[in-house]
Amino acid sequence: ASRTQAVKLIEAGRITINGHPTQNPNLRINMDKDILALDRQALIARPKRYLALNKPRGLVTTASDEKGRQTVYQCLNEEDKQLSPVGRLDMAREGLLLFTNDPHWAQKILDPKSHIPKTYHVQVDRLLDAPEITQLSNGIEIEPDTTTRPAQISLLRSGDKTCWLEITLHEGLNRQIRRMIESIGAKVLRLVRISIGPIKLDDLTKGQTRPLTSQEIAQI
C-alpha cells in the first residue's frame, strides 16, 4: 500500500497491534517485537531489496502515467514492480536509476545533507572553453539568490559542434545541470547518469537491471 492507502486502512480500524485495534497512523511500534495485523491476518515485512536500472530515454519515472506514456516499470519484472524509484530521471534523461523497498536507505540518498555525489555524462550543443568550464565548476547563479555548490567538471571529448562533459554534483537542485548549462548560453542535448555514490552504471545494458551488492548497499 502507498502511505495514503495505509493511513486509510489504519483510520478504518482494520489494523491491530498485538491484537489491539488502533486508528492512530502516527503510532510507533517495534517491528522486531510487536505483531502488526490487517483484518486479523499477521503482516510480515518483505525482505529489503535494492536494484539498479539503466534507464533508456523516453520513459517516465512513475508507476503509471495519466498521459499513457511508457514508464520505467516496463523494464522491471513482476516482483520488482513492488519497488519504488529513488528519485527520478526526466523522460529525456537516461542512465542509473535505483529502486528499493527500503525507505530509510532511499532517504539517505535523497537527503541534501548527505551530499552523496552523483556523476553524469552530458552532451552540450556547442563547444565550451576552459573559462566556461571553470565558471560552472566554481558554482554559478542559476536564478536570483540561487548559486550552485562547487562541482567537479571535466571535458570528456569534443566534436566539430558539440562536446561531452563529466559532471559530478554534491547537491540535487531541480533540473540543476540543464539550468547550469543554460546559464552560460548553451543547451543540454543528452544527459546520462553514470553513478550515485559508490554505485556505478558500468556496462549494464540499457533497459536492464541488476541487484546491488551488499557492499554498495552498506556504503550508502
Protein backbone atom coordinates (compact mmCIF):
# COMPACT_ATOMS: atom_id res chain seq x y z
CA ALA A 1 0.00 0.00 0.00
CA SER A 2 1.03 3.58 -0.51
CA ARG A 3 1.42 5.81 2.54
CA THR A 4 -2.02 7.35 1.85
CA GLN A 5 -3.64 3.93 1.45
CA ALA A 6 -2.01 2.73 4.67
CA VAL A 7 -3.39 5.69 6.63
CA LYS A 8 -6.89 4.89 5.33
CA LEU A 9 -6.55 1.27 6.49
CA ILE A 10 -5.48 2.43 9.95
CA GLU A 11 -8.21 5.05 10.29
CA ALA A 12 -10.79 2.45 9.21
CA GLY A 13 -9.80 0.33 12.21
CA ARG A 14 -8.56 -2.58 10.09
CA ILE A 15 -5.10 -2.61 11.70
CA THR A 16 -4.30 -4.20 15.06
CA ILE A 17 -1.12 -4.09 17.13
CA ASN A 18 -0.64 -7.17 19.35
CA GLY A 19 -4.36 -7.88 18.90
CA HIS A 20 -5.50 -4.37 19.83
CA PRO A 21 -7.04 -2.12 17.16
CA THR A 22 -5.55 1.29 16.55
CA GLN A 23 -6.68 4.24 14.47
CA ASN A 24 -3.56 6.30 15.10
CA PRO A 25 -1.37 6.43 11.96
CA ASN A 26 1.43 8.10 13.95
CA LEU A 27 1.77 5.28 16.48
CA ARG A 28 5.33 3.94 16.66
CA ILE A 29 5.87 0.21 17.04
CA ASN A 30 8.78 -2.20 17.28
CA MET A 31 8.70 -4.44 14.21
CA ASP A 32 11.01 -6.94 15.98
CA LYS A 33 8.56 -7.44 18.87
CA ASP A 34 5.08 -6.15 18.03
CA ILE A 35 2.64 -8.13 15.88
CA LEU A 36 1.10 -5.98 13.17
CA ALA A 37 -2.07 -7.38 11.54
CA LEU A 38 -4.50 -6.35 8.81
CA ASP A 39 -8.02 -7.73 9.24
CA ARG A 40 -6.58 -10.04 11.95
CA GLN A 41 -4.03 -11.51 9.50
CA ALA A 42 -0.44 -11.04 10.70
CA LEU A 43 1.76 -8.99 8.37
CA ILE A 44 5.37 -9.88 7.67
CA ALA A 45 7.76 -7.33 6.25
CA ARG A 46 9.11 -8.16 2.81
CA PRO A 47 12.88 -8.63 2.62
CA LYS A 48 14.69 -5.43 1.72
CA ARG A 49 15.61 -5.29 -1.96
CA TYR A 50 17.83 -2.92 -3.91
CA LEU A 51 18.00 -2.67 -7.69
CA ALA A 52 19.86 -0.67 -10.34
CA LEU A 53 18.33 0.07 -13.76
CA ASN A 54 19.97 1.55 -16.85
CA LYS A 55 17.03 3.78 -17.77
CA PRO A 56 16.52 4.36 -21.50
CA ARG A 57 15.41 7.72 -22.87
CA GLY A 58 11.69 8.22 -23.39
CA LEU A 59 10.45 6.52 -20.21
CA VAL A 60 8.69 8.32 -17.37
CA THR A 61 9.84 7.65 -13.79
CA THR A 62 6.47 6.67 -12.37
CA ALA A 63 4.40 3.53 -11.89
CA SER A 64 1.60 4.79 -14.15
CA ASP A 65 1.20 7.84 -16.36
CA GLU A 66 -2.06 9.72 -16.93
CA LYS A 67 -0.92 10.59 -20.45
CA GLY A 68 -0.38 6.96 -21.37
CA ARG A 69 3.38 7.31 -21.79
CA GLN A 70 5.70 4.35 -21.25
CA THR A 71 7.23 4.13 -17.78
CA VAL A 72 10.39 2.71 -16.24
CA TYR A 73 8.31 -0.12 -14.77
CA GLN A 74 8.12 -1.80 -18.17
CA CYS A 75 11.81 -2.64 -17.61
CA LEU A 76 11.06 -4.49 -14.34
CA ASN A 77 9.74 -7.99 -13.74
CA GLU A 78 6.55 -8.51 -11.72
CA GLU A 79 8.33 -8.93 -8.39
CA ASP A 80 10.45 -5.81 -8.91
CA LYS A 81 7.39 -3.71 -9.74
CA GLN A 82 6.69 -3.56 -6.00
CA LEU A 83 9.84 -1.43 -5.55
CA SER A 84 9.90 2.37 -5.61
CA PRO A 85 12.34 4.55 -7.55
CA VAL A 86 14.91 6.51 -5.57
CA GLY A 87 14.50 9.99 -7.01
CA ARG A 88 13.85 10.27 -10.72
CA LEU A 89 15.26 10.91 -14.16
CA ASP A 90 13.27 13.07 -16.56
CA MET A 91 11.76 11.46 -19.63
CA ALA A 92 14.61 12.66 -21.87
CA ARG A 93 17.33 11.64 -19.41
CA GLU A 94 18.93 8.22 -19.14
CA GLY A 95 21.30 6.12 -17.08
CA LEU A 96 21.46 4.90 -13.50
CA LEU A 97 18.16 4.78 -11.60
CA LEU A 98 17.81 2.95 -8.28
CA PHE A 99 14.80 1.11 -6.87
CA THR A 100 14.18 -0.20 -3.35
CA ASN A 101 11.52 -1.03 -0.75
CA ASP A 102 13.76 0.39 1.99
CA PRO A 103 12.58 3.99 2.51
CA HIS A 104 15.22 4.81 5.13
CA TRP A 105 18.04 3.79 2.76
CA ALA A 106 16.42 5.75 -0.07
CA GLN A 107 16.14 8.84 2.12
CA LYS A 108 19.89 8.79 2.77
CA ILE A 109 20.42 9.21 -0.98
CA LEU A 110 17.73 11.87 -1.38
CA ASP A 111 18.61 13.94 1.71
CA PRO A 112 20.53 17.06 0.55
CA LYS A 113 22.54 16.94 3.79
CA SER A 114 24.06 13.60 2.73
CA HIS A 115 25.91 15.26 -0.18
CA ILE A 116 26.18 11.90 -1.94
CA PRO A 117 27.97 12.59 -5.24
CA LYS A 118 26.14 11.88 -8.48
CA THR A 119 28.09 11.78 -11.75
CA TYR A 120 26.71 12.47 -15.23
CA HIS A 121 27.97 12.46 -18.80
CA VAL A 122 26.44 15.46 -20.52
CA GLN A 123 26.40 16.41 -24.21
CA VAL A 124 26.28 20.17 -24.79
CA ASP A 125 25.10 21.77 -28.03
CA ARG A 126 28.29 23.78 -28.55
CA LEU A 127 31.96 23.74 -27.64
CA LEU A 128 32.81 25.13 -24.20
CA ASP A 129 36.08 26.86 -23.44
CA ALA A 130 38.18 26.44 -20.29
CA PRO A 131 36.90 29.62 -18.56
CA GLU A 132 33.29 28.47 -19.01
CA ILE A 133 34.05 25.05 -17.54
CA THR A 134 35.83 26.73 -14.61
CA GLN A 135 32.84 29.02 -14.11
CA LEU A 136 30.50 26.04 -13.94
CA SER A 137 32.86 24.16 -11.61
CA ASN A 138 33.15 27.01 -9.13
CA GLY A 139 29.39 27.43 -8.80
CA ILE A 140 27.09 29.52 -10.92
CA GLU A 141 23.91 31.50 -10.32
CA ILE A 142 21.03 29.64 -11.92
CA GLU A 143 18.35 32.01 -10.65
CA PRO A 144 18.30 35.04 -8.34
CA ASP A 145 19.62 34.08 -4.89
CA THR A 146 20.40 30.51 -6.03
CA THR A 147 24.04 29.64 -6.73
CA THR A 148 25.15 26.05 -7.20
CA ARG A 149 27.77 24.44 -4.98
CA PRO A 150 31.20 23.73 -6.47
CA ALA A 151 31.19 20.70 -8.75
CA GLN A 152 33.79 18.52 -10.44
CA ILE A 153 33.57 19.13 -14.19
CA SER A 154 35.94 17.95 -16.90
CA LEU A 155 35.87 17.82 -20.69
CA LEU A 156 35.45 14.26 -21.94
CA ARG A 157 35.63 14.90 -25.68
CA SER A 158 34.79 17.47 -28.33
CA GLY A 159 33.40 17.22 -31.86
CA ASP A 160 33.05 19.86 -34.51
CA LYS A 161 29.99 21.46 -32.92
CA THR A 162 29.28 19.72 -29.60
CA CYS A 163 31.17 18.48 -26.57
CA TRP A 164 30.73 15.97 -23.74
CA LEU A 165 31.35 16.87 -20.10
CA GLU A 166 31.66 14.71 -17.00
CA ILE A 167 29.88 16.49 -14.15
CA THR A 168 29.84 15.37 -10.50
CA LEU A 169 27.34 17.13 -8.26
CA HIS A 170 27.10 17.08 -4.47
CA GLU A 171 23.58 18.51 -4.36
CA GLY A 172 20.31 17.87 -6.17
CA LEU A 173 18.58 21.06 -7.23
CA ASN A 174 15.66 20.66 -9.64
CA ARG A 175 16.98 20.13 -13.19
CA GLN A 176 20.25 21.52 -11.97
CA ILE A 177 22.55 20.55 -14.84
CA ARG A 178 20.18 21.86 -17.51
CA ARG A 179 19.90 25.16 -15.66
CA MET A 180 23.67 25.40 -15.15
CA ILE A 181 24.36 24.88 -18.85
CA GLU A 182 21.64 27.32 -19.88
CA SER A 183 23.15 29.96 -17.60
CA ILE A 184 26.17 30.16 -19.92
CA GLY A 185 24.05 30.29 -23.06
CA ALA A 186 24.19 26.62 -24.07
CA LYS A 187 21.80 23.66 -24.04
CA VAL A 188 21.94 20.04 -22.89
CA LEU A 189 21.41 17.56 -25.73
CA ARG A 190 21.88 14.33 -23.75
CA LEU A 191 22.34 13.51 -20.09
CA VAL A 192 23.40 10.10 -18.79
CA ARG A 193 23.78 9.44 -15.04
CA ILE A 194 26.68 7.04 -14.59
CA SER A 195 27.00 6.80 -10.78
CA ILE A 196 25.36 7.54 -7.43
CA GLY A 197 27.94 7.44 -4.67
CA PRO A 198 29.69 4.05 -4.89
CA ILE A 199 27.04 2.60 -7.24
CA LYS A 200 28.15 2.70 -10.87
CA LEU A 201 26.34 2.07 -14.14
CA ASP A 202 29.39 0.39 -15.69
CA ASP A 203 28.41 -1.93 -18.53
CA LEU A 204 24.78 -2.51 -17.52
CA THR A 205 22.80 -2.77 -20.77
CA LYS A 206 20.16 -0.13 -21.48
CA GLY A 207 16.79 -1.24 -20.11
CA GLN A 208 18.36 -3.96 -17.96
CA THR A 209 18.55 -4.27 -14.16
CA ARG A 210 20.87 -5.81 -11.60
CA PRO A 211 20.69 -6.27 -7.82
CA LEU A 212 23.03 -4.11 -5.80
CA THR A 213 25.87 -5.78 -3.95
CA SER A 214 25.94 -5.85 -0.16
CA GLN A 215 28.99 -3.58 -0.29
CA GLU A 216 27.17 -0.98 -2.43
CA ILE A 217 24.20 -1.02 -0.07
CA ALA A 218 26.36 -0.68 3.05
CA GLN A 219 28.48 2.15 1.62
CA ILE A 220 25.40 4.37 1.24
